[in-house]
Amino acid sequence: MAGGYGAWGGRPDKDGSMFLGALFAQPELLDCIILNEQGSDHTTECAHLERLVGGDEWEIVTSAYELEGGSESIICAPWVPKESKHAKTATAQEDEDRQKELQAMQEKSNADTTVVLYSEKGCKGEKFILTTDVTYLCGATSLKFLISKRQITIGNSAKSMQVVGVGEVDLMSDCGAKQYWATVMPLDGCTEMYTWPATNALRIQHTSSLSVVQQPSVATSSARSVSQSEPPEDENKRKFRVVYSSESSEYHAFQTQASLYSFMDSKQGDFGGMWTRLLTSSEPDDLVDTFPTFYGKRHPYSKRYSPLNKADTTQKWYASVNAPGDDEVIVMIDPDNWLLKPIHEHVAEVTVGHAVAEAAWFSGQPQLVRELWMEF
């Protein structure tokens, strides 16, 4: 079957194994297949989902056992969430419909920013629309869902939220809406909410923090190529920017100083290099006037999984008015890395659609990768 949609009974090999295949014009990442066993003559108790690697080798992605004959079975790759076996195929239309509904809701209310709480994960179930800039969720001031009359508590009765419009919503840990801890933005889509860290108030911001122009540092002007806004003197040199993810703490401050020193000492700027700190923070810290920095507000998931900061702040950087140029190569390092030599030769290997990276520690261990995916 080449593209399109269809059904086929397959053909057994000499050992009696039955194979069903699909050939696509371009590589496709399939999430799930639906196996429809018809009657008692065309059934199986187990099935394997395989993919072609290396041109002629088939690798098992996942396996399903104890299938029931004469019924429909959904077999999904390990990366599909357990709670939604057909997440990509079944919820794509739901996501699109929900987005249209929220946009229509926002246009009808004439609000620049609409925040909706949902009683179920995946932005499903009963809805509650925030109507005030600050929503308090403690004590007598707490709110309730209109139909079920359940008191709204983030992570318990309100399990997800979504923001549409031009602004964003800050999550506050205290009942007085003064202690910030995270932010949900329109680009986050449907966001699951948890009881920890606690959210006891919500504060709508009517402008996006990603629309704020962040001025590059002028304190490092002696190292011209470090500044965020200045390109290399030789326009024929390949521009690249060394970045790393950081938080605002004394521990990270020492790493920031060491990282910039190693960048300058290894003369990356002589070969078109620039340097930027990607900071997870609700506001500029006391180092932004000394070290070129982009700061992005914290995603609520990052408290539960701190490595998310790297991907999250990078996404917000690209989505902001401070995004790097299309002609720049981004070199992502860890905050405790130390640059010893110019890296421009490695930068030259990067092309559009082709990144260059060191092999991960689990490289060459597909079974381990599959187990990790299945577990988490």
Foldseek 3Di string as FASTA:
>chain_A
DEDDDDDDLADADPVRDGDDDYDYPDDDDDFKDKDAAADDPRDDFKDFDWDDPPNHDIDTQDMDGRDDHRGIDMDGGLQPDPVDSPCVPPCPVVLVVVVVVVVVVCVVVVAQKWKWFAQDAPRDHAIDIDDDQKQFCDDPSFDAGPPVRHTDFWAHRGFKMAMDGAWWKFFAQDRVRPHTDFIHDNVNRIGTTHPPPGGGMMGIDSHYPLADDDAWAPQVVVLVLATLPDWQPDPVAQAAEEEEEDEDDPVLVVLQVQAVVLCVVQPQSVRGYYYEYQYADPDDDPCRNPHTYDYDHHHVCCVVPVVVRGVVSLVSCCVGPNHDDPRYHYHYDYSNDGHHHHPSVQVVVDDVPDHDDDDDPCPPPVVVVSVVSNVD
